N, C-alpha and C. Protein backbone atom coordinates (compact mmCIF):
# COMPACT_ATOMS: atom_id res chain seq x y z
N MET A 1 23.97 9.94 -5.94
CA MET A 1 22.71 10.33 -6.94
C MET A 1 21.80 9.30 -6.97
N LEU A 2 22.16 8.16 -7.34
CA LEU A 2 21.02 6.97 -7.62
C LEU A 2 20.31 6.79 -6.33
N GLN A 3 21.02 6.84 -5.03
CA GLN A 3 20.37 6.45 -3.83
C GLN A 3 19.19 7.61 -3.59
N LYS A 4 19.41 8.80 -4.00
CA LYS A 4 18.43 9.86 -3.81
C LYS A 4 17.20 9.52 -4.74
N LEU A 5 17.49 8.96 -5.92
CA LEU A 5 16.37 8.85 -6.88
C LEU A 5 15.42 7.64 -6.33
N LEU A 6 16.00 6.78 -5.53
CA LEU A 6 15.21 5.51 -5.13
C LEU A 6 14.55 5.84 -3.73
N GLU A 7 14.95 7.00 -3.02
CA GLU A 7 14.36 7.39 -1.89
C GLU A 7 12.96 7.90 -2.06
N PRO A 8 12.03 7.50 -1.32
CA PRO A 8 10.69 8.01 -1.58
C PRO A 8 10.51 9.59 -0.83
N THR A 9 9.69 10.35 -1.27
CA THR A 9 9.41 11.64 -0.75
C THR A 9 9.06 11.42 0.76
N PRO A 10 9.74 12.14 1.67
CA PRO A 10 9.20 12.08 3.08
C PRO A 10 7.75 12.21 3.34
N LEU A 11 7.34 11.37 4.28
CA LEU A 11 5.83 11.51 4.49
C LEU A 11 5.74 12.70 5.58
N PRO A 12 4.47 13.24 5.57
CA PRO A 12 4.25 14.43 6.43
C PRO A 12 4.16 13.89 7.85
N PRO A 13 4.31 14.52 8.91
CA PRO A 13 4.41 14.06 10.34
C PRO A 13 2.89 13.66 10.69
N SER A 14 2.71 12.89 11.64
CA SER A 14 1.38 12.56 12.22
C SER A 14 1.24 13.23 13.55
N PHE A 15 0.86 14.54 13.47
CA PHE A 15 0.76 15.17 14.82
C PHE A 15 -0.69 14.81 15.39
N LYS A 16 -0.51 14.63 16.64
CA LYS A 16 -1.91 14.22 17.37
C LYS A 16 -2.85 15.44 17.31
N ALA A 17 -2.56 16.63 17.35
CA ALA A 17 -3.40 17.82 17.08
C ALA A 17 -4.15 17.79 15.70
N ASN A 18 -3.52 17.03 14.80
CA ASN A 18 -4.10 17.11 13.37
C ASN A 18 -4.86 15.87 13.01
N ARG A 19 -5.04 15.03 14.27
CA ARG A 19 -5.86 13.64 13.92
C ARG A 19 -7.30 13.87 13.77
N VAL A 20 -7.87 13.21 12.83
CA VAL A 20 -9.28 13.30 12.51
C VAL A 20 -9.94 11.98 13.37
N ARG A 21 -10.75 12.24 14.22
CA ARG A 21 -11.26 11.24 15.17
C ARG A 21 -12.23 10.42 14.43
N ALA A 22 -12.10 9.03 14.87
CA ALA A 22 -13.12 7.96 14.58
C ALA A 22 -14.52 8.52 14.64
N GLY A 23 -15.30 8.24 13.68
CA GLY A 23 -16.78 8.66 13.73
C GLY A 23 -16.89 10.06 13.05
N ASP A 24 -15.93 10.79 12.82
CA ASP A 24 -16.05 12.12 11.84
C ASP A 24 -16.38 11.55 10.47
N SER A 25 -17.21 12.26 9.77
CA SER A 25 -17.54 12.15 8.41
C SER A 25 -16.34 11.82 7.57
N LEU A 26 -15.23 12.72 7.74
CA LEU A 26 -14.31 12.57 6.90
C LEU A 26 -13.38 11.16 7.15
N TYR A 27 -13.32 10.88 8.47
CA TYR A 27 -12.74 9.50 8.85
C TYR A 27 -13.56 8.39 8.12
N ASN A 28 -14.81 8.45 8.22
CA ASN A 28 -15.73 7.47 7.65
C ASN A 28 -15.43 7.29 6.24
N GLU A 29 -15.45 8.51 5.44
CA GLU A 29 -15.26 8.57 4.01
C GLU A 29 -13.99 7.81 3.81
N ILE A 30 -12.75 8.01 4.51
CA ILE A 30 -11.51 7.42 4.07
C ILE A 30 -11.71 5.92 4.56
N LEU A 31 -12.25 5.62 5.68
CA LEU A 31 -12.40 4.19 5.97
C LEU A 31 -13.06 3.38 4.89
N ASP A 32 -14.29 4.02 4.27
CA ASP A 32 -14.95 3.42 3.19
C ASP A 32 -14.05 3.23 2.00
N PHE A 33 -13.35 4.24 1.72
CA PHE A 33 -12.12 4.24 0.67
C PHE A 33 -11.29 2.89 0.69
N LEU A 34 -10.79 2.81 1.90
CA LEU A 34 -9.87 1.74 2.22
C LEU A 34 -10.57 0.41 2.11
N TYR A 35 -11.68 0.35 2.63
CA TYR A 35 -12.46 -1.07 2.57
C TYR A 35 -12.73 -1.30 1.01
N ASP A 36 -13.21 -0.14 0.23
CA ASP A 36 -13.59 -0.48 -1.17
C ASP A 36 -12.44 -0.89 -1.99
N GLU A 37 -11.25 -0.16 -1.71
CA GLU A 37 -10.00 -0.50 -2.34
C GLU A 37 -9.68 -2.04 -2.11
N ALA A 38 -9.79 -2.49 -0.73
CA ALA A 38 -9.45 -3.81 -0.50
C ALA A 38 -10.34 -4.89 -1.29
N GLU A 39 -11.57 -4.36 -1.37
CA GLU A 39 -12.60 -5.39 -2.17
C GLU A 39 -12.28 -5.25 -3.56
N MET A 40 -11.98 -4.31 -4.19
CA MET A 40 -11.54 -4.20 -5.54
C MET A 40 -10.20 -5.06 -5.88
N LEU A 41 -9.29 -4.86 -4.95
CA LEU A 41 -8.14 -5.67 -5.19
C LEU A 41 -8.31 -7.33 -4.97
N ASP A 42 -9.11 -7.49 -3.81
CA ASP A 42 -9.34 -8.95 -3.51
C ASP A 42 -10.16 -9.61 -4.84
N ASN A 43 -11.01 -9.07 -5.48
CA ASN A 43 -11.65 -9.30 -6.42
C ASN A 43 -11.34 -9.10 -7.89
N LEU A 44 -9.98 -8.80 -8.03
CA LEU A 44 -9.24 -8.56 -9.33
C LEU A 44 -9.96 -7.43 -10.21
N ARG A 45 -10.47 -6.51 -9.56
CA ARG A 45 -11.03 -5.33 -10.26
C ARG A 45 -9.99 -4.32 -10.41
N LEU A 46 -8.95 -4.76 -11.02
CA LEU A 46 -7.76 -3.95 -11.07
C LEU A 46 -7.98 -2.63 -11.96
N SER A 47 -8.58 -2.81 -13.10
CA SER A 47 -8.88 -1.41 -13.80
C SER A 47 -9.65 -0.45 -13.15
N GLU A 48 -10.46 -1.04 -12.29
CA GLU A 48 -11.40 -0.08 -11.50
C GLU A 48 -10.60 0.44 -10.35
N TRP A 49 -9.62 -0.38 -9.75
CA TRP A 49 -8.59 0.11 -8.74
C TRP A 49 -7.78 1.17 -9.29
N ALA A 50 -7.25 0.98 -10.45
CA ALA A 50 -6.40 1.89 -11.05
C ALA A 50 -6.96 3.37 -11.21
N GLU A 51 -8.31 3.56 -11.30
CA GLU A 51 -8.94 4.87 -11.48
C GLU A 51 -8.86 5.46 -10.03
N LEU A 52 -8.41 4.92 -8.89
CA LEU A 52 -8.30 5.40 -7.63
C LEU A 52 -6.88 6.08 -7.41
N ILE A 53 -5.84 5.91 -8.23
CA ILE A 53 -4.58 6.23 -8.04
C ILE A 53 -4.29 7.82 -8.96
N THR A 54 -3.37 8.48 -8.36
CA THR A 54 -3.11 9.63 -8.87
C THR A 54 -1.95 9.57 -9.90
N LYS A 55 -1.88 10.49 -10.79
CA LYS A 55 -0.82 10.42 -11.91
C LYS A 55 0.66 10.61 -11.32
N ASP A 56 0.64 11.29 -10.08
CA ASP A 56 2.11 11.38 -9.56
C ASP A 56 2.12 10.34 -8.35
N LEU A 57 1.56 9.13 -8.64
CA LEU A 57 1.71 8.19 -7.49
C LEU A 57 3.16 7.85 -7.07
N GLU A 58 3.37 7.57 -5.89
CA GLU A 58 4.55 6.91 -5.32
C GLU A 58 4.05 5.73 -4.51
N TYR A 59 4.65 4.53 -4.85
CA TYR A 59 4.20 3.27 -4.28
C TYR A 59 5.38 2.57 -3.76
N ASN A 60 5.69 2.44 -2.59
CA ASN A 60 7.04 1.96 -1.97
C ASN A 60 6.83 0.99 -1.09
N ALA A 61 7.77 -0.03 -1.09
CA ALA A 61 7.91 -0.91 0.13
C ALA A 61 9.46 -1.18 0.36
N PRO A 62 9.75 -0.34 1.40
CA PRO A 62 11.45 -0.45 1.75
C PRO A 62 11.68 -1.76 2.43
N LEU A 63 13.05 -2.23 2.31
CA LEU A 63 13.58 -3.37 2.83
C LEU A 63 13.61 -3.18 4.44
N ARG A 64 13.38 -4.17 4.99
CA ARG A 64 13.53 -4.18 6.53
C ARG A 64 14.86 -5.05 7.00
N HIS A 65 15.21 -4.62 7.93
CA HIS A 65 16.59 -5.22 8.66
C HIS A 65 16.12 -5.55 10.12
N THR A 66 16.90 -6.43 10.60
CA THR A 66 16.75 -6.80 12.09
C THR A 66 17.87 -5.89 12.65
N ARG A 67 17.27 -5.20 13.77
CA ARG A 67 18.16 -4.25 14.40
C ARG A 67 18.07 -4.42 15.97
N THR A 68 18.95 -3.89 16.67
CA THR A 68 18.69 -4.03 18.17
C THR A 68 17.77 -2.95 18.54
N THR A 69 17.33 -3.06 19.71
CA THR A 69 16.47 -2.09 20.35
C THR A 69 17.05 -0.61 20.14
N THR A 70 18.18 -0.40 20.44
CA THR A 70 18.82 1.01 20.43
C THR A 70 18.87 1.34 18.90
N GLN A 71 18.81 0.50 18.01
CA GLN A 71 18.90 0.75 16.63
C GLN A 71 17.57 0.72 15.78
N PHE A 72 16.49 0.73 16.54
CA PHE A 72 15.15 0.33 15.98
C PHE A 72 14.69 1.52 14.83
N ALA A 73 15.31 2.74 15.12
CA ALA A 73 14.87 3.76 13.98
C ALA A 73 15.52 3.26 12.73
N GLN A 74 16.50 2.53 12.73
CA GLN A 74 17.18 2.16 11.34
C GLN A 74 16.65 1.00 10.73
N THR A 75 15.39 0.36 11.24
CA THR A 75 14.99 -0.93 10.87
C THR A 75 14.70 -1.03 9.41
N TYR A 76 14.29 0.15 8.77
CA TYR A 76 14.01 0.23 7.36
C TYR A 76 14.84 0.98 6.38
N SER A 77 15.28 0.43 5.31
CA SER A 77 16.21 1.01 4.51
C SER A 77 15.43 1.63 3.37
N ARG A 78 15.04 2.88 3.32
CA ARG A 78 14.21 3.32 2.29
C ARG A 78 14.97 3.63 0.91
N ASN A 79 16.18 3.39 0.75
CA ASN A 79 16.88 3.39 -0.62
C ASN A 79 16.89 2.14 -1.11
N VAL A 80 16.59 1.01 -0.57
CA VAL A 80 16.72 -0.28 -0.97
C VAL A 80 15.21 -0.93 -0.82
N GLN A 81 14.53 -1.24 -1.76
CA GLN A 81 13.14 -1.53 -1.71
C GLN A 81 12.61 -2.77 -2.52
N HIS A 82 11.70 -3.49 -1.84
CA HIS A 82 10.95 -4.68 -2.57
C HIS A 82 10.18 -3.92 -3.65
N LEU A 83 9.38 -2.91 -3.42
CA LEU A 83 8.80 -2.24 -4.53
C LEU A 83 9.06 -0.79 -4.51
N HIS A 84 9.17 -0.37 -5.71
CA HIS A 84 9.37 1.18 -6.05
C HIS A 84 8.72 1.57 -7.36
N GLU A 85 7.38 1.73 -7.08
CA GLU A 85 6.60 1.99 -8.29
C GLU A 85 6.07 3.55 -8.39
N ASN A 86 5.77 3.75 -9.72
CA ASN A 86 5.09 5.18 -9.88
C ASN A 86 3.89 4.71 -10.67
N TYR A 87 3.00 5.84 -11.19
CA TYR A 87 1.87 5.57 -11.98
C TYR A 87 2.14 4.72 -13.13
N GLY A 88 3.13 5.12 -13.92
CA GLY A 88 3.40 4.37 -15.15
C GLY A 88 3.73 2.88 -14.93
N SER A 89 4.56 2.59 -13.86
CA SER A 89 4.87 1.16 -13.67
C SER A 89 3.62 0.32 -12.96
N MET A 90 2.90 1.21 -12.24
CA MET A 90 1.74 0.57 -11.57
C MET A 90 0.62 0.20 -12.69
N MET A 91 0.47 0.96 -13.68
CA MET A 91 -0.36 0.75 -14.75
C MET A 91 0.13 -0.36 -15.69
N MET A 92 1.35 -0.33 -15.75
CA MET A 92 2.00 -1.74 -16.59
C MET A 92 1.71 -2.91 -15.72
N ARG A 93 1.86 -3.02 -14.33
CA ARG A 93 1.34 -4.08 -13.77
C ARG A 93 0.05 -4.53 -13.76
N VAL A 94 -0.82 -3.50 -13.84
CA VAL A 94 -2.35 -3.79 -13.90
C VAL A 94 -2.55 -4.31 -15.23
N LYS A 95 -2.05 -3.64 -16.28
CA LYS A 95 -2.31 -4.15 -17.76
C LYS A 95 -1.92 -5.48 -17.92
N ARG A 96 -0.59 -5.83 -17.36
CA ARG A 96 0.03 -7.06 -17.50
C ARG A 96 -0.95 -8.38 -16.87
N ILE A 97 -1.62 -7.88 -15.89
CA ILE A 97 -2.49 -9.00 -15.23
C ILE A 97 -3.78 -8.90 -16.14
N THR A 98 -4.33 -7.84 -16.50
CA THR A 98 -5.78 -7.68 -17.09
C THR A 98 -5.69 -7.91 -18.56
N ASP A 99 -4.62 -7.56 -19.31
CA ASP A 99 -4.71 -7.58 -20.71
C ASP A 99 -3.64 -8.55 -21.41
N THR A 100 -2.96 -9.16 -20.64
CA THR A 100 -2.03 -10.02 -21.27
C THR A 100 -2.07 -11.42 -20.75
N LYS A 101 -1.26 -12.31 -21.36
CA LYS A 101 -1.15 -13.73 -21.01
C LYS A 101 0.28 -14.06 -20.39
N SER A 102 0.90 -12.96 -20.22
CA SER A 102 2.11 -13.09 -19.64
C SER A 102 2.28 -12.98 -18.24
N ALA A 103 1.31 -12.91 -17.43
CA ALA A 103 1.30 -12.84 -15.99
C ALA A 103 1.15 -14.18 -15.37
N TRP A 104 2.21 -15.07 -15.73
CA TRP A 104 2.11 -16.56 -15.27
C TRP A 104 2.19 -16.52 -13.85
N GLY A 105 2.99 -15.68 -13.16
CA GLY A 105 2.96 -15.91 -11.78
C GLY A 105 1.72 -15.57 -11.06
N GLU A 106 0.67 -15.08 -11.57
CA GLU A 106 -0.55 -14.90 -10.99
C GLU A 106 -1.67 -15.54 -11.87
N ASP A 107 -1.37 -16.44 -12.69
CA ASP A 107 -2.37 -17.36 -13.44
C ASP A 107 -2.41 -18.73 -13.31
N PRO A 108 -3.01 -19.31 -12.57
CA PRO A 108 -4.43 -18.83 -11.89
C PRO A 108 -4.08 -17.92 -10.81
N PRO A 109 -4.98 -16.79 -10.75
CA PRO A 109 -4.74 -15.87 -9.72
C PRO A 109 -4.61 -16.46 -8.29
N SER A 110 -3.83 -15.65 -7.42
CA SER A 110 -3.99 -15.80 -5.85
C SER A 110 -5.31 -15.61 -5.32
N ARG A 111 -5.72 -16.39 -4.38
CA ARG A 111 -7.01 -15.93 -3.53
C ARG A 111 -6.66 -15.17 -2.29
N ILE A 112 -6.80 -13.95 -2.36
CA ILE A 112 -6.53 -13.10 -1.42
C ILE A 112 -7.61 -12.31 -0.55
N LYS A 113 -7.28 -12.13 0.67
CA LYS A 113 -8.04 -11.39 1.37
C LYS A 113 -7.27 -10.19 2.06
N ARG A 114 -7.70 -9.01 2.01
CA ARG A 114 -6.83 -7.94 2.67
C ARG A 114 -7.86 -7.46 3.75
N LEU A 115 -7.17 -7.68 5.08
CA LEU A 115 -7.87 -7.15 6.29
C LEU A 115 -7.30 -5.87 6.74
N VAL A 116 -8.13 -4.82 6.80
CA VAL A 116 -7.42 -3.48 7.01
C VAL A 116 -7.91 -3.05 8.46
N SER A 117 -7.11 -2.53 9.36
CA SER A 117 -7.50 -2.19 10.73
C SER A 117 -6.56 -1.19 11.33
N ASN A 118 -6.89 -0.73 12.52
CA ASN A 118 -6.07 0.15 13.17
C ASN A 118 -5.77 1.52 12.34
N VAL A 119 -6.91 1.98 11.81
CA VAL A 119 -6.89 3.20 10.85
C VAL A 119 -6.82 4.43 11.67
N ARG A 120 -5.74 5.23 11.30
CA ARG A 120 -5.73 6.67 11.90
C ARG A 120 -5.58 7.50 10.83
N VAL A 121 -6.22 8.62 10.86
CA VAL A 121 -6.23 9.84 9.83
C VAL A 121 -5.84 11.03 10.35
N PHE A 122 -4.89 11.66 9.46
CA PHE A 122 -4.28 13.06 10.02
C PHE A 122 -4.43 13.93 8.86
N LYS A 123 -4.82 15.22 9.18
CA LYS A 123 -4.81 16.32 8.22
C LYS A 123 -3.35 16.77 8.03
N THR A 124 -3.00 17.20 6.90
CA THR A 124 -1.61 17.51 6.52
C THR A 124 -1.61 19.04 6.25
N ASP A 125 -0.47 19.64 5.82
CA ASP A 125 -0.36 21.06 5.59
C ASP A 125 -1.05 21.39 4.38
N LYS A 126 -1.26 20.35 3.46
CA LYS A 126 -2.13 20.70 2.21
C LYS A 126 -3.52 20.39 2.59
N GLU A 127 -4.40 21.24 2.23
CA GLU A 127 -6.05 21.21 2.50
C GLU A 127 -6.64 19.92 1.91
N ASN A 128 -6.25 19.61 0.70
CA ASN A 128 -6.81 18.53 0.05
C ASN A 128 -6.03 17.14 0.44
N GLU A 129 -5.08 16.92 1.14
CA GLU A 129 -4.43 15.69 1.40
C GLU A 129 -4.48 15.29 2.72
N PHE A 130 -4.57 13.99 2.95
CA PHE A 130 -4.71 13.43 4.24
C PHE A 130 -3.63 12.16 4.38
N LYS A 131 -2.97 12.24 5.53
CA LYS A 131 -2.12 11.06 5.77
C LYS A 131 -2.91 9.93 6.52
N VAL A 132 -2.83 8.70 6.14
CA VAL A 132 -3.69 7.55 6.71
C VAL A 132 -2.67 6.55 7.02
N GLU A 133 -2.76 6.03 8.14
CA GLU A 133 -1.81 4.95 8.72
C GLU A 133 -2.82 3.78 9.08
N SER A 134 -2.47 2.67 8.55
CA SER A 134 -3.25 1.48 8.85
C SER A 134 -2.61 0.28 8.84
N TYR A 135 -3.11 -0.86 9.48
CA TYR A 135 -2.44 -2.01 9.41
C TYR A 135 -3.15 -2.76 8.44
N LEU A 136 -2.33 -3.90 7.72
CA LEU A 136 -2.92 -4.52 6.69
C LEU A 136 -2.45 -6.08 7.03
N LEU A 137 -3.34 -6.94 7.15
CA LEU A 137 -2.93 -8.44 7.17
C LEU A 137 -3.48 -9.00 5.86
N LEU A 138 -2.66 -9.51 4.84
CA LEU A 138 -3.00 -10.06 3.69
C LEU A 138 -2.95 -11.67 3.83
N THR A 139 -3.88 -12.26 3.42
CA THR A 139 -3.79 -13.77 3.41
C THR A 139 -3.83 -14.12 2.04
N ARG A 140 -2.94 -15.07 1.57
CA ARG A 140 -2.76 -15.48 0.20
C ARG A 140 -2.87 -16.92 0.06
N SER A 141 -3.64 -17.55 -0.77
CA SER A 141 -3.70 -19.11 -0.92
C SER A 141 -3.48 -19.19 -2.55
N ARG A 142 -2.69 -20.22 -2.82
CA ARG A 142 -2.31 -20.37 -4.11
C ARG A 142 -2.60 -21.84 -4.61
N PHE A 143 -2.79 -22.05 -5.83
CA PHE A 143 -3.28 -23.34 -6.34
C PHE A 143 -4.22 -24.18 -5.47
N ASP A 144 -3.82 -25.37 -5.17
CA ASP A 144 -4.66 -26.39 -4.29
C ASP A 144 -3.78 -26.61 -3.11
N PHE A 145 -2.94 -25.70 -2.70
CA PHE A 145 -2.01 -25.93 -1.39
C PHE A 145 -3.00 -25.89 -0.14
N ASP A 146 -2.74 -26.61 0.77
CA ASP A 146 -3.56 -26.59 2.13
C ASP A 146 -3.02 -25.56 3.13
N TYR A 147 -2.09 -24.60 2.71
CA TYR A 147 -1.64 -23.60 3.51
C TYR A 147 -1.68 -22.21 2.74
N PHE A 148 -1.55 -21.32 3.57
CA PHE A 148 -1.66 -19.83 3.06
C PHE A 148 -0.49 -19.07 3.51
N ASP A 149 -0.41 -18.03 2.91
CA ASP A 149 0.89 -17.04 3.22
C ASP A 149 0.15 -15.94 4.06
N LEU A 150 0.72 -15.52 5.04
CA LEU A 150 0.24 -14.27 5.65
C LEU A 150 1.35 -13.14 5.58
N ILE A 151 0.95 -12.12 5.13
CA ILE A 151 1.79 -10.81 4.90
C ILE A 151 1.40 -9.67 5.73
N PRO A 152 1.84 -9.54 6.99
CA PRO A 152 1.39 -8.38 7.81
C PRO A 152 2.27 -7.05 7.50
N CYS A 153 1.62 -5.98 7.61
CA CYS A 153 2.40 -4.72 7.34
C CYS A 153 1.67 -3.57 7.84
N VAL A 154 2.35 -2.50 8.00
CA VAL A 154 1.71 -1.14 8.33
C VAL A 154 1.80 -0.27 6.86
N ARG A 155 0.68 0.48 6.58
CA ARG A 155 0.87 1.28 5.41
C ARG A 155 0.61 2.72 5.89
N HIS A 156 1.44 3.47 5.25
CA HIS A 156 1.33 5.08 5.24
C HIS A 156 0.86 5.51 3.90
N ASP A 157 -0.32 5.97 3.94
CA ASP A 157 -0.88 6.44 2.70
C ASP A 157 -1.08 7.99 2.79
N ILE A 158 -0.92 8.62 1.60
CA ILE A 158 -1.32 10.04 1.46
C ILE A 158 -2.52 9.95 0.40
N LEU A 159 -3.85 10.34 0.81
CA LEU A 159 -4.95 10.32 0.02
C LEU A 159 -5.29 11.75 -0.30
N ARG A 160 -5.57 12.04 -1.51
CA ARG A 160 -5.75 13.33 -1.97
C ARG A 160 -7.17 13.47 -2.68
N ARG A 161 -7.83 14.58 -2.29
CA ARG A 161 -9.27 14.89 -2.72
C ARG A 161 -9.02 15.51 -4.12
N GLU A 162 -9.57 14.88 -5.04
CA GLU A 162 -9.53 15.42 -6.58
C GLU A 162 -10.99 15.59 -6.78
N GLY A 163 -11.37 16.75 -6.94
CA GLY A 163 -12.92 17.01 -7.12
C GLY A 163 -13.65 16.57 -5.94
N SER A 164 -14.57 15.57 -6.14
CA SER A 164 -15.32 14.99 -5.07
C SER A 164 -14.86 13.64 -4.77
N GLU A 165 -13.76 12.96 -5.22
CA GLU A 165 -13.21 11.82 -4.91
C GLU A 165 -11.81 11.84 -4.11
N LEU A 166 -11.72 10.73 -3.51
CA LEU A 166 -10.30 10.59 -2.81
C LEU A 166 -9.57 9.60 -3.82
N LYS A 167 -8.23 9.98 -3.87
CA LYS A 167 -7.38 9.06 -4.72
C LYS A 167 -6.12 8.82 -3.76
N LEU A 168 -5.49 7.71 -4.27
CA LEU A 168 -4.19 7.44 -3.52
C LEU A 168 -3.12 8.06 -4.30
N ALA A 169 -2.44 8.89 -3.48
CA ALA A 169 -1.18 9.45 -4.20
C ALA A 169 0.15 9.11 -3.60
N ARG A 170 0.08 8.30 -2.66
CA ARG A 170 1.33 7.77 -1.96
C ARG A 170 0.98 6.69 -0.99
N ARG A 171 1.92 5.59 -1.21
CA ARG A 171 1.57 4.50 -0.20
C ARG A 171 3.06 3.93 -0.02
N GLU A 172 3.37 3.89 1.25
CA GLU A 172 4.56 3.28 1.89
C GLU A 172 4.17 2.08 2.72
N ILE A 173 4.73 0.83 2.36
CA ILE A 173 4.31 -0.31 2.96
C ILE A 173 5.51 -0.80 3.79
N LEU A 174 5.14 -0.85 5.05
CA LEU A 174 6.25 -1.36 5.98
C LEU A 174 6.01 -2.73 6.33
N LEU A 175 6.74 -3.82 5.76
CA LEU A 175 6.33 -5.12 5.91
C LEU A 175 7.10 -5.62 7.39
N ASP A 176 6.41 -6.34 7.98
CA ASP A 176 6.90 -6.86 9.40
C ASP A 176 7.95 -7.77 8.98
N GLN A 177 7.88 -8.60 7.90
CA GLN A 177 9.11 -9.62 7.95
C GLN A 177 10.25 -9.06 7.14
N VAL A 178 11.37 -9.60 7.53
CA VAL A 178 12.62 -9.29 6.94
C VAL A 178 12.91 -10.24 5.55
N VAL A 179 12.52 -11.48 5.83
CA VAL A 179 12.40 -12.33 4.81
C VAL A 179 11.11 -12.66 4.38
N ILE A 180 10.61 -12.28 3.16
CA ILE A 180 9.11 -12.42 2.75
C ILE A 180 9.05 -13.92 2.43
N GLY A 181 8.07 -14.54 2.95
CA GLY A 181 7.82 -16.00 2.89
C GLY A 181 6.94 -16.34 1.56
N THR A 182 6.34 -15.30 1.07
CA THR A 182 5.47 -15.72 -0.25
C THR A 182 6.41 -15.78 -1.60
N PRO A 183 6.07 -16.48 -2.53
CA PRO A 183 7.09 -16.89 -3.66
C PRO A 183 7.22 -15.34 -4.46
N ASN A 184 6.12 -14.54 -4.45
CA ASN A 184 6.57 -13.20 -5.28
C ASN A 184 5.66 -12.29 -4.56
N LEU A 185 5.95 -10.89 -5.13
CA LEU A 185 5.03 -9.79 -4.79
C LEU A 185 4.49 -9.29 -6.27
N GLY A 186 3.91 -10.23 -6.89
CA GLY A 186 3.25 -9.99 -8.21
C GLY A 186 1.76 -9.48 -7.82
N ILE A 187 1.43 -9.31 -6.57
CA ILE A 187 0.17 -8.73 -6.11
C ILE A 187 0.40 -7.29 -5.72
N ILE A 188 -0.79 -6.61 -5.53
CA ILE A 188 -0.62 -5.21 -5.10
C ILE A 188 -1.07 -5.19 -3.48
N LEU A 189 -0.11 -4.66 -2.75
CA LEU A 189 -0.36 -4.79 -1.27
C LEU A 189 -1.34 -3.62 -0.92
């Protein structure tokens, strides 16, 4: 029973026939959303970013395992996760960083750049929802260290149109690393 509670809602399929092509006005709008979101998060405009998420948000980062080629489909364990957030827990994360002095893991804050690429957009069965697949390379620098962390991943998002705006309703983050080399995930991927 507990395992079912931890499993995220299955993502809709990515049918080639439902793909929104690069250059289409919807594709451009979604690309702008992803770029604007990255800028907000990079510049700690977290309260502004929080306005982009839906009240029924699912935000997950399943655990990755090393598997053989024949077991590649079992690479991710979706009922064991690095992150398992909803709207309430995500708002607590945002408020902890913006409104309290207790976010010592991010004070002083990390210097981060989110590089978004390989964006593919698909229409779903729901007229106002779109599945968005993208690559993210996050660079993170801390304190006065002369090195930085790299966090590469694939993101599967569900963006929903609410009124005239797009909002993030679901994000599944598939990290490339089995062992994460960064000291914490107190940042938003």
